[in-house]
Amino acid sequence: MTNQLKTAVLLAALSGLLIAISYWVIGGTSGLIIGIGLAAVTNLFSWYQSDKIALAVYQAQPVSQSEAPGLYRMVQRLSDRANISMPKVYIVPSQGANAFATGRDPEHAAVAVTEGILKILPEDELEGVIAHELTHIINRDTLTQAVAATVAGAISFLAQMVSYSLWFGGGSRDDNRGANPLGVLLTVMLAPLAATIIQLAISRTREFSADAGSARLTGNPRALARALQRLEASARQMPLNANPAYEPLLIINSISGQFMGNLFSSHPATEERVAALLKLEQQLPTTV
């Protein structure tokens, strides 16, 4: 119920931004009606298509058991242990080491890993990563993250279109009022930032929950802790570049620079995640 409530709040806030953009740019009742319609269509589309969009953003390719037998068996084994349907398995053709899960529910889910992560992680650490992603699926985090990314991406795209229109002049008016110039300017500047902040507010807490779920599923919190440290070091050298709106889906920040440090990070600091996992290790039995 908590996750469902968070999802509703998140979608409502992002939808509100879409409506506000339309209202301030177009003006009056026409802008309000168009904004509500745009928000409804975007939410409905992202609810059913966000997983496909996320996979396409990272150019993930589906793989069969014969193509990646070790990975396939690992996902199957952990899915059976978690008592969920096995998600589809994808590989991202990138040497950047990362992973993510997507899908609106456990019956329509996918786990994707990069070629890079398969090369640098030993089996026990990769198992911790896969268990982390399966926990996201179990908790329905994948729906929240993917829909949020889709709607936030739509907000950023619309804000860009507005900024282009400012250069070329013109603008829509309706019978009640014209577009508010100050509103247009604030929309261009603040809407993408606000969308990002809303995403981060939920994404960070869910990473801790997925880490804990992985630790319980594998019985080996230290393996995931080592994996996170290894992945962060790798990301500094070879980031996984893609649309920033989909950054929260990844297991570790795909670091492309040091701008603003961790202020707008989609994940908690790796040191905090590692500390939480090592603390949890003391509470778990030594064997699975």
C-alpha atoms as a PDB file:
ATOM      1  CA  MET A   1       0.000   0.000   0.000  1.00  0.00           C
ATOM      2  CA  THR A   2       2.859   2.379   0.772  1.00  0.00           C
ATOM      3  CA  ASN A   3       4.406   1.891  -2.652  1.00  0.00           C
ATOM      4  CA  GLN A   4       1.034   2.395  -4.315  1.00  0.00           C
ATOM      5  CA  LEU A   5       0.536   5.640  -2.394  1.00  0.00           C
ATOM      6  CA  LYS A   6       3.981   6.882  -3.336  1.00  0.00           C
ATOM      7  CA  THR A   7       3.307   6.029  -6.957  1.00  0.00           C
ATOM      8  CA  ALA A   8       0.045   7.976  -6.908  1.00  0.00           C
ATOM      9  CA  VAL A   9       1.701  11.010  -5.301  1.00  0.00           C
ATOM     10  CA  LEU A  10       4.570  10.923  -7.775  1.00  0.00           C
ATOM     11  CA  LEU A  11       2.333  10.674 -10.817  1.00  0.00           C
ATOM     12  CA  ALA A  12       0.071  13.409  -9.475  1.00  0.00           C
ATOM     13  CA  ALA A  13       3.016  15.767  -8.971  1.00  0.00           C
ATOM     14  CA  LEU A  14       4.496  15.090 -12.394  1.00  0.00           C
ATOM     15  CA  SER A  15       1.081  15.393 -14.020  1.00  0.00           C
ATOM     16  CA  GLY A  16       0.614  18.691 -12.223  1.00  0.00           C
ATOM     17  CA  LEU A  17       3.804  19.956 -13.837  1.00  0.00           C
ATOM     18  CA  LEU A  18       2.539  19.011 -17.285  1.00  0.00           C
ATOM     19  CA  ILE A  19      -0.726  20.825 -16.639  1.00  0.00           C
ATOM     20  CA  ALA A  20       1.116  23.878 -15.306  1.00  0.00           C
ATOM     21  CA  ILE A  21       3.334  24.057 -18.382  1.00  0.00           C
ATOM     22  CA  SER A  22       0.330  24.013 -20.675  1.00  0.00           C
ATOM     23  CA  TYR A  23      -1.550  26.550 -18.555  1.00  0.00           C
ATOM     24  CA  TRP A  24       1.266  29.079 -18.405  1.00  0.00           C
ATOM     25  CA  VAL A  25       2.332  28.707 -22.010  1.00  0.00           C
ATOM     26  CA  ILE A  26      -1.050  28.556 -23.759  1.00  0.00           C
ATOM     27  CA  GLY A  27      -3.010  30.461 -21.167  1.00  0.00           C
ATOM     28  CA  GLY A  28      -6.535  30.344 -19.818  1.00  0.00           C
ATOM     29  CA  THR A  29      -9.013  27.490 -19.940  1.00  0.00           C
ATOM     30  CA  SER A  30      -7.659  26.191 -23.234  1.00  0.00           C
ATOM     31  CA  GLY A  31      -4.235  25.686 -21.698  1.00  0.00           C
ATOM     32  CA  LEU A  32      -5.758  23.991 -18.661  1.00  0.00           C
ATOM     33  CA  ILE A  33      -7.840  21.585 -20.742  1.00  0.00           C
ATOM     34  CA  ILE A  34      -4.946  20.772 -23.068  1.00  0.00           C
ATOM     35  CA  GLY A  35      -2.686  20.205 -20.068  1.00  0.00           C
ATOM     36  CA  ILE A  36      -5.115  17.801 -18.413  1.00  0.00           C
ATOM     37  CA  GLY A  37      -5.518  15.895 -21.668  1.00  0.00           C
ATOM     38  CA  LEU A  38      -1.757  15.738 -22.199  1.00  0.00           C
ATOM     39  CA  ALA A  39      -1.199  14.475 -18.651  1.00  0.00           C
ATOM     40  CA  ALA A  40      -3.867  11.784 -19.045  1.00  0.00           C
ATOM     41  CA  VAL A  41      -2.497  10.546 -22.358  1.00  0.00           C
ATOM     42  CA  THR A  42       1.117  10.564 -21.128  1.00  0.00           C
ATOM     43  CA  ASN A  43       0.272   8.633 -17.964  1.00  0.00           C
ATOM     44  CA  LEU A  44      -1.787   6.055 -19.817  1.00  0.00           C
ATOM     45  CA  PHE A  45       0.882   5.597 -22.464  1.00  0.00           C
ATOM     46  CA  SER A  46       3.729   5.344 -19.970  1.00  0.00           C
ATOM     47  CA  TRP A  47       1.796   2.897 -17.781  1.00  0.00           C
ATOM     48  CA  TYR A  48       1.738   0.335 -20.572  1.00  0.00           C
ATOM     49  CA  GLN A  49       4.768   1.320 -22.666  1.00  0.00           C
ATOM     50  CA  SER A  50       7.335   2.663 -20.189  1.00  0.00           C
ATOM     51  CA  ASP A  51       9.165  -0.676 -19.987  1.00  0.00           C
ATOM     52  CA  LYS A  52       9.609  -0.784 -23.756  1.00  0.00           C
ATOM     53  CA  ILE A  53      10.823   2.815 -23.750  1.00  0.00           C
ATOM     54  CA  ALA A  54      13.362   2.128 -21.004  1.00  0.00           C
ATOM     55  CA  LEU A  55      14.744  -0.895 -22.845  1.00  0.00           C
ATOM     56  CA  ALA A  56      14.917   1.096 -26.077  1.00  0.00           C
ATOM     57  CA  VAL A  57      16.710   4.007 -24.392  1.00  0.00           C
ATOM     58  CA  TYR A  58      19.540   1.677 -23.380  1.00  0.00           C
ATOM     59  CA  GLN A  59      19.339  -0.344 -26.623  1.00  0.00           C
ATOM     60  CA  ALA A  60      18.805  -3.513 -24.598  1.00  0.00           C
ATOM     61  CA  GLN A  61      18.582  -6.715 -26.612  1.00  0.00           C
ATOM     62  CA  PRO A  62      16.621  -9.807 -25.478  1.00  0.00           C
ATOM     63  CA  VAL A  63      18.657 -12.957 -24.941  1.00  0.00           C
ATOM     64  CA  SER A  64      17.621 -16.606 -24.722  1.00  0.00           C
ATOM     65  CA  GLN A  65      18.929 -19.351 -22.475  1.00  0.00           C
ATOM     66  CA  SER A  66      21.178 -20.643 -25.257  1.00  0.00           C
ATOM     67  CA  GLU A  67      22.676 -17.194 -25.826  1.00  0.00           C
ATOM     68  CA  ALA A  68      23.475 -16.441 -22.159  1.00  0.00           C
ATOM     69  CA  PRO A  69      23.079 -19.692 -20.206  1.00  0.00           C
ATOM     70  CA  GLY A  70      24.853 -18.602 -17.027  1.00  0.00           C
ATOM     71  CA  LEU A  71      22.942 -15.330 -16.702  1.00  0.00           C
ATOM     72  CA  TYR A  72      19.672 -17.003 -17.619  1.00  0.00           C
ATOM     73  CA  ARG A  73      20.096 -19.720 -14.981  1.00  0.00           C
ATOM     74  CA  MET A  74      20.962 -17.140 -12.338  1.00  0.00           C
ATOM     75  CA  VAL A  75      17.844 -15.082 -13.035  1.00  0.00           C
ATOM     76  CA  GLN A  76      15.718 -18.245 -13.052  1.00  0.00           C
ATOM     77  CA  ARG A  77      17.182 -19.508  -9.778  1.00  0.00           C
ATOM     78  CA  LEU A  78      16.685 -16.217  -7.946  1.00  0.00           C
ATOM     79  CA  SER A  79      13.180 -15.774  -9.379  1.00  0.00           C
ATOM     80  CA  ASP A  80      12.218 -19.222  -8.121  1.00  0.00           C
ATOM     81  CA  ARG A  81      13.665 -18.383  -4.722  1.00  0.00           C
ATOM     82  CA  ALA A  82      11.668 -15.138  -4.642  1.00  0.00           C
ATOM     83  CA  ASN A  83       8.545 -16.994  -5.836  1.00  0.00           C
ATOM     84  CA  ILE A  84       7.901 -14.708  -8.813  1.00  0.00           C
ATOM     85  CA  SER A  85       7.604 -15.307 -12.539  1.00  0.00           C
ATOM     86  CA  MET A  86      10.937 -15.174 -14.276  1.00  0.00           C
ATOM     87  CA  PRO A  87      11.354 -11.805 -15.995  1.00  0.00           C
ATOM     88  CA  LYS A  88      12.635 -11.488 -19.533  1.00  0.00           C
ATOM     89  CA  VAL A  89      16.402 -11.151 -19.759  1.00  0.00           C
ATOM     90  CA  TYR A  90      18.152  -8.427 -21.748  1.00  0.00           C
ATOM     91  CA  ILE A  91      21.755  -7.430 -22.389  1.00  0.00           C
ATOM     92  CA  VAL A  92      22.773  -3.831 -23.053  1.00  0.00           C
ATOM     93  CA  PRO A  93      25.573  -3.547 -25.646  1.00  0.00           C
ATOM     94  CA  SER A  94      27.761  -1.256 -23.555  1.00  0.00           C
ATOM     95  CA  GLN A  95      31.044  -1.678 -21.722  1.00  0.00           C
ATOM     96  CA  GLY A  96      29.759   0.558 -18.949  1.00  0.00           C
ATOM     97  CA  ALA A  97      28.978  -1.695 -15.972  1.00  0.00           C
ATOM     98  CA  ASN A  98      25.370  -1.319 -14.846  1.00  0.00           C
ATOM     99  CA  ALA A  99      21.977  -3.023 -14.607  1.00  0.00           C
ATOM    100  CA  PHE A 100      18.297  -2.186 -14.288  1.00  0.00           C
ATOM    101  CA  ALA A 101      14.831  -3.717 -14.133  1.00  0.00           C
ATOM    102  CA  THR A 102      11.613  -2.473 -15.681  1.00  0.00           C
ATOM    103  CA  GLY A 103       7.981  -3.501 -16.129  1.00  0.00           C
ATOM    104  CA  ARG A 104       4.603  -2.599 -14.647  1.00  0.00           C
ATOM    105  CA  ASP A 105       4.316  -5.784 -12.540  1.00  0.00           C
ATOM    106  CA  PRO A 106       6.114  -9.108 -11.939  1.00  0.00           C
ATOM    107  CA  GLU A 107       4.201 -10.714 -14.810  1.00  0.00           C
ATOM    108  CA  HIS A 108       5.401  -8.059 -17.282  1.00  0.00           C
ATOM    109  CA  ALA A 109       8.960  -7.458 -16.136  1.00  0.00           C
ATOM    110  CA  ALA A 110      12.460  -7.482 -17.559  1.00  0.00           C
ATOM    111  CA  VAL A 111      15.976  -7.464 -16.138  1.00  0.00           C
ATOM    112  CA  ALA A 112      18.760  -5.916 -18.196  1.00  0.00           C
ATOM    113  CA  VAL A 113      22.510  -6.025 -17.596  1.00  0.00           C
ATOM    114  CA  THR A 114      25.313  -4.511 -19.612  1.00  0.00           C
ATOM    115  CA  GLU A 115      28.076  -6.422 -21.296  1.00  0.00           C
ATOM    116  CA  GLY A 116      30.441  -4.528 -19.026  1.00  0.00           C
ATOM    117  CA  ILE A 117      28.921  -5.763 -15.773  1.00  0.00           C
ATOM    118  CA  LEU A 118      29.136  -9.364 -16.965  1.00  0.00           C
ATOM    119  CA  LYS A 119      32.866  -8.903 -17.481  1.00  0.00           C
ATOM    120  CA  ILE A 120      33.853  -7.255 -14.205  1.00  0.00           C
ATOM    121  CA  LEU A 121      31.664  -8.925 -11.549  1.00  0.00           C
ATOM    122  CA  PRO A 122      32.311 -12.393 -10.132  1.00  0.00           C
ATOM    123  CA  GLU A 123      29.303 -14.685  -9.835  1.00  0.00           C
ATOM    124  CA  ASP A 124      28.368 -13.932  -6.210  1.00  0.00           C
ATOM    125  CA  GLU A 125      28.439 -10.165  -6.813  1.00  0.00           C
ATOM    126  CA  LEU A 126      26.422 -10.454 -10.019  1.00  0.00           C
ATOM    127  CA  GLU A 127      23.916 -12.550  -8.106  1.00  0.00           C
ATOM    128  CA  GLY A 128      23.563  -9.719  -5.583  1.00  0.00           C
ATOM    129  CA  VAL A 129      22.899  -7.256  -8.413  1.00  0.00           C
ATOM    130  CA  ILE A 130      20.278  -9.494 -10.034  1.00  0.00           C
ATOM    131  CA  ALA A 131      18.575 -10.018  -6.649  1.00  0.00           C
ATOM    132  CA  HIS A 132      18.525  -6.229  -6.195  1.00  0.00           C
ATOM    133  CA  GLU A 133      16.731  -5.804  -9.517  1.00  0.00           C
ATOM    134  CA  LEU A 134      14.278  -8.603  -8.738  1.00  0.00           C
ATOM    135  CA  THR A 135      13.438  -6.839  -5.472  1.00  0.00           C
ATOM    136  CA  HIS A 136      12.579  -3.714  -7.458  1.00  0.00           C
ATOM    137  CA  ILE A 137      10.183  -5.872  -9.480  1.00  0.00           C
ATOM    138  CA  ILE A 138       8.634  -7.439  -6.368  1.00  0.00           C
ATOM    139  CA  ASN A 139       8.135  -4.008  -4.767  1.00  0.00           C
ATOM    140  CA  ARG A 140       6.637  -2.569  -7.992  1.00  0.00           C
ATOM    141  CA  ASP A 141       9.425   0.022  -8.004  1.00  0.00           C
ATOM    142  CA  THR A 142       9.934  -0.659 -11.687  1.00  0.00           C
ATOM    143  CA  LEU A 143       6.514   0.774 -12.502  1.00  0.00           C
ATOM    144  CA  THR A 144       7.101   3.908 -10.460  1.00  0.00           C
ATOM    145  CA  GLN A 145      10.566   4.519 -11.852  1.00  0.00           C
ATOM    146  CA  ALA A 146       9.709   3.824 -15.468  1.00  0.00           C
ATOM    147  CA  VAL A 147       6.512   5.872 -15.496  1.00  0.00           C
ATOM    148  CA  ALA A 148       8.263   8.714 -13.679  1.00  0.00           C
ATOM    149  CA  ALA A 149      11.066   8.652 -16.217  1.00  0.00           C
ATOM    150  CA  THR A 150       8.611   8.742 -19.116  1.00  0.00           C
ATOM    151  CA  VAL A 151       6.570  11.623 -17.715  1.00  0.00           C
ATOM    152  CA  ALA A 152       9.680  13.544 -16.642  1.00  0.00           C
ATOM    153  CA  GLY A 153      11.100  13.044 -20.107  1.00  0.00           C
ATOM    154  CA  ALA A 154       7.890  14.449 -21.589  1.00  0.00           C
ATOM    155  CA  ILE A 155       8.170  17.489 -19.305  1.00  0.00           C
ATOM    156  CA  SER A 156      11.762  18.122 -20.361  1.00  0.00           C
ATOM    157  CA  PHE A 157      10.872  17.698 -24.033  1.00  0.00           C
ATOM    158  CA  LEU A 158       7.931  20.085 -23.761  1.00  0.00           C
ATOM    159  CA  ALA A 159      10.081  22.636 -21.952  1.00  0.00           C
ATOM    160  CA  GLN A 160      12.616  22.421 -24.776  1.00  0.00           C
ATOM    161  CA  MET A 161       9.884  23.013 -27.336  1.00  0.00           C
ATOM    162  CA  VAL A 162       8.783  26.067 -25.372  1.00  0.00           C
ATOM    163  CA  SER A 163      12.319  27.429 -25.324  1.00  0.00           C
ATOM    164  CA  TYR A 164      12.559  27.022 -29.094  1.00  0.00           C
ATOM    165  CA  SER A 165       9.282  28.872 -29.532  1.00  0.00           C
ATOM    166  CA  LEU A 166      10.674  31.822 -27.576  1.00  0.00           C
ATOM    167  CA  TRP A 167      13.408  32.245 -30.158  1.00  0.00           C
ATOM    168  CA  PHE A 168      10.995  32.245 -33.072  1.00  0.00           C
ATOM    169  CA  GLY A 169       8.367  34.395 -31.377  1.00  0.00           C
ATOM    170  CA  GLY A 170       4.659  33.978 -31.615  1.00  0.00           C
ATOM    171  CA  GLY A 171       2.550  32.017 -29.203  1.00  0.00           C
ATOM    172  CA  SER A 172      -0.919  30.747 -28.695  1.00  0.00           C
ATOM    173  CA  ARG A 173      -3.687  32.778 -27.138  1.00  0.00           C
ATOM    174  CA  ASP A 174      -7.215  31.943 -26.231  1.00  0.00           C
ATOM    175  CA  ASP A 175     -10.291  34.073 -25.704  1.00  0.00           C
ATOM    176  CA  ASN A 176      -9.665  34.575 -22.002  1.00  0.00           C
ATOM    177  CA  ARG A 177      -5.990  35.466 -21.714  1.00  0.00           C
ATOM    178  CA  GLY A 178      -2.710  35.212 -23.505  1.00  0.00           C
ATOM    179  CA  ALA A 179       0.332  33.234 -22.563  1.00  0.00           C
ATOM    180  CA  ASN A 180       2.137  34.635 -19.536  1.00  0.00           C
ATOM    181  CA  PRO A 181       5.696  35.585 -20.564  1.00  0.00           C
ATOM    182  CA  LEU A 182       7.039  35.188 -17.036  1.00  0.00           C
ATOM    183  CA  GLY A 183       5.289  31.851 -16.748  1.00  0.00           C
ATOM    184  CA  VAL A 184       6.849  30.711 -20.001  1.00  0.00           C
ATOM    185  CA  LEU A 185      10.323  31.679 -18.803  1.00  0.00           C
ATOM    186  CA  LEU A 186       9.899  29.977 -15.425  1.00  0.00           C
ATOM    187  CA  THR A 187       8.544  26.878 -17.149  1.00  0.00           C
ATOM    188  CA  VAL A 188      11.591  26.576 -19.374  1.00  0.00           C
ATOM    189  CA  MET A 189      13.963  27.052 -16.443  1.00  0.00           C
ATOM    190  CA  LEU A 190      12.290  25.214 -13.586  1.00  0.00           C
ATOM    191  CA  ALA A 191      10.001  22.482 -14.952  1.00  0.00           C
ATOM    192  CA  PRO A 192      12.761  19.971 -15.847  1.00  0.00           C
ATOM    193  CA  LEU A 193      14.489  20.651 -12.524  1.00  0.00           C
ATOM    194  CA  ALA A 194      11.274  20.140 -10.569  1.00  0.00           C
ATOM    195  CA  ALA A 195      10.578  16.883 -12.432  1.00  0.00           C
ATOM    196  CA  THR A 196      14.056  15.629 -11.571  1.00  0.00           C
ATOM    197  CA  ILE A 197      13.696  16.497  -7.887  1.00  0.00           C
ATOM    198  CA  ILE A 198      10.369  14.643  -7.679  1.00  0.00           C
ATOM    199  CA  GLN A 199      12.001  11.550  -9.204  1.00  0.00           C
ATOM    200  CA  LEU A 200      14.928  11.663  -6.791  1.00  0.00           C
ATOM    201  CA  ALA A 201      12.721  12.029  -3.723  1.00  0.00           C
ATOM    202  CA  ILE A 202      11.369   8.507  -4.218  1.00  0.00           C
ATOM    203  CA  SER A 203      14.248   6.824  -6.032  1.00  0.00           C
ATOM    204  CA  ARG A 204      16.752   7.146  -3.194  1.00  0.00           C
ATOM    205  CA  THR A 205      14.681   5.471  -0.497  1.00  0.00           C
ATOM    206  CA  ARG A 206      13.785   2.614  -2.830  1.00  0.00           C
ATOM    207  CA  GLU A 207      17.433   1.795  -3.465  1.00  0.00           C
ATOM    208  CA  PHE A 208      17.980   1.044   0.225  1.00  0.00           C
ATOM    209  CA  SER A 209      14.911  -1.200   0.203  1.00  0.00           C
ATOM    210  CA  ALA A 210      16.105  -3.063  -2.902  1.00  0.00           C
ATOM    211  CA  ASP A 211      19.575  -3.527  -1.380  1.00  0.00           C
ATOM    212  CA  ALA A 212      18.022  -5.032   1.739  1.00  0.00           C
ATOM    213  CA  GLY A 213      15.804  -7.283  -0.356  1.00  0.00           C
ATOM    214  CA  SER A 214      18.819  -8.512  -2.294  1.00  0.00           C
ATOM    215  CA  ALA A 215      20.681  -9.273   0.921  1.00  0.00           C
ATOM    216  CA  ARG A 216      17.796 -11.348   2.242  1.00  0.00           C
ATOM    217  CA  LEU A 217      17.265 -13.139  -1.059  1.00  0.00           C
ATOM    218  CA  THR A 218      20.910 -14.174  -1.456  1.00  0.00           C
ATOM    219  CA  GLY A 219      21.893 -14.298   2.202  1.00  0.00           C
ATOM    220  CA  ASN A 220      25.107 -12.516   1.185  1.00  0.00           C
ATOM    221  CA  PRO A 221      24.932  -8.739   1.816  1.00  0.00           C
ATOM    222  CA  ARG A 222      28.711  -8.358   1.554  1.00  0.00           C
ATOM    223  CA  ALA A 223      28.720  -9.567  -2.055  1.00  0.00           C
ATOM    224  CA  LEU A 224      26.336  -6.784  -3.098  1.00  0.00           C
ATOM    225  CA  ALA A 225      28.373  -4.289  -1.075  1.00  0.00           C
ATOM    226  CA  ARG A 226      31.506  -5.278  -2.991  1.00  0.00           C
ATOM    227  CA  ALA A 227      29.580  -5.106  -6.272  1.00  0.00           C
ATOM    228  CA  LEU A 228      28.379  -1.563  -5.566  1.00  0.00           C
ATOM    229  CA  GLN A 229      31.916  -0.419  -4.815  1.00  0.00           C
ATOM    230  CA  ARG A 230      33.236  -2.063  -7.945  1.00  0.00           C
ATOM    231  CA  LEU A 231      30.438  -0.634 -10.093  1.00  0.00           C
ATOM    232  CA  GLU A 232      30.946   2.894  -8.797  1.00  0.00           C
ATOM    233  CA  ALA A 233      34.644   2.754  -9.586  1.00  0.00           C
ATOM    234  CA  SER A 234      33.860   1.439 -13.053  1.00  0.00           C
ATOM    235  CA  ALA A 235      31.216   4.128 -13.675  1.00  0.00           C
ATOM    236  CA  ARG A 236      33.758   6.865 -13.021  1.00  0.00           C
ATOM    237  CA  GLN A 237      35.920   5.490 -15.807  1.00  0.00           C
ATOM    238  CA  MET A 238      33.208   4.392 -18.246  1.00  0.00           C
ATOM    239  CA  PRO A 239      29.729   5.860 -17.642  1.00  0.00           C
ATOM    240  CA  LEU A 240      26.647   4.391 -19.252  1.00  0.00           C
ATOM    241  CA  ASN A 241      25.385   7.341 -21.280  1.00  0.00           C
ATOM    242  CA  ALA A 242      21.655   7.645 -21.946  1.00  0.00           C
ATOM    243  CA  ASN A 243      18.697   9.921 -21.314  1.00  0.00           C
ATOM    244  CA  PRO A 244      19.133  11.382 -17.778  1.00  0.00           C
ATOM    245  CA  ALA A 245      15.410  10.844 -17.114  1.00  0.00           C
ATOM    246  CA  TYR A 246      16.129   7.094 -16.957  1.00  0.00           C
ATOM    247  CA  GLU A 247      19.095   7.376 -14.593  1.00  0.00           C
ATOM    248  CA  PRO A 248      17.039   6.289 -11.532  1.00  0.00           C
ATOM    249  CA  LEU A 249      16.438   2.875 -13.114  1.00  0.00           C
ATOM    250  CA  LEU A 250      20.123   1.933 -12.888  1.00  0.00           C
ATOM    251  CA  ILE A 251      21.617   0.149  -9.897  1.00  0.00           C
ATOM    252  CA  ILE A 252      24.405   2.731  -9.608  1.00  0.00           C
ATOM    253  CA  ASN A 253      24.762   6.307 -10.805  1.00  0.00           C
ATOM    254  CA  SER A 254      26.114   6.423 -14.323  1.00  0.00           C
ATOM    255  CA  ILE A 255      28.581   9.163 -13.479  1.00  0.00           C
ATOM    256  CA  SER A 256      29.353  11.477 -16.388  1.00  0.00           C
ATOM    257  CA  GLY A 257      30.887  14.311 -14.399  1.00  0.00           C
ATOM    258  CA  GLN A 258      31.242  15.877 -10.972  1.00  0.00           C
ATOM    259  CA  PHE A 259      28.841  18.799 -11.516  1.00  0.00           C
ATOM    260  CA  MET A 260      26.938  19.541  -8.298  1.00  0.00           C
ATOM    261  CA  GLY A 261      28.375  16.391  -6.712  1.00  0.00           C
ATOM    262  CA  ASN A 262      25.673  14.228  -5.134  1.00  0.00           C
ATOM    263  CA  LEU A 263      23.071  17.005  -4.878  1.00  0.00           C
ATOM    264  CA  PHE A 264      21.067  15.686  -7.809  1.00  0.00           C
ATOM    265  CA  SER A 265      22.156  12.073  -7.588  1.00  0.00           C
ATOM    266  CA  SER A 266      19.442   9.547  -8.348  1.00  0.00           C
ATOM    267  CA  HIS A 267      20.905   7.166  -5.758  1.00  0.00           C
ATOM    268  CA  PRO A 268      22.128   7.385  -2.170  1.00  0.00           C
ATOM    269  CA  ALA A 269      25.873   7.590  -1.662  1.00  0.00           C
ATOM    270  CA  THR A 270      27.499   4.213  -2.239  1.00  0.00           C
ATOM    271  CA  GLU A 271      29.218   4.468   1.144  1.00  0.00           C
ATOM    272  CA  GLU A 272      25.823   4.716   2.858  1.00  0.00           C
ATOM    273  CA  ARG A 273      24.471   1.742   0.933  1.00  0.00           C
ATOM    274  CA  VAL A 274      27.531  -0.348   1.779  1.00  0.00           C
ATOM    275  CA  ALA A 275      27.285   0.587   5.471  1.00  0.00           C
ATOM    276  CA  ALA A 276      23.609  -0.406   5.536  1.00  0.00           C
ATOM    277  CA  LEU A 277      24.390  -3.758   3.902  1.00  0.00           C
ATOM    278  CA  LEU A 278      27.206  -4.544   6.333  1.00  0.00           C
ATOM    279  CA  LYS A 279      24.925  -3.681   9.239  1.00  0.00           C
ATOM    280  CA  LEU A 280      22.276  -5.992   7.814  1.00  0.00           C
ATOM    281  CA  GLU A 281      24.880  -8.751   7.474  1.00  0.00           C
ATOM    282  CA  GLN A 282      25.090  -8.936  11.261  1.00  0.00           C
ATOM    283  CA  GLN A 283      21.363  -9.637  11.468  1.00  0.00           C
ATOM    284  CA  LEU A 284      21.233 -12.418   8.893  1.00  0.00           C
ATOM    285  CA  PRO A 285      22.173 -16.100   9.323  1.00  0.00           C
ATOM    286  CA  THR A 286      25.564 -17.065   7.952  1.00  0.00           C
ATOM    287  CA  THR A 287      24.066 -19.597   5.532  1.00  0.00           C
ATOM    288  CA  VAL A 288      21.188 -19.357   3.053  1.00  0.00           C
END
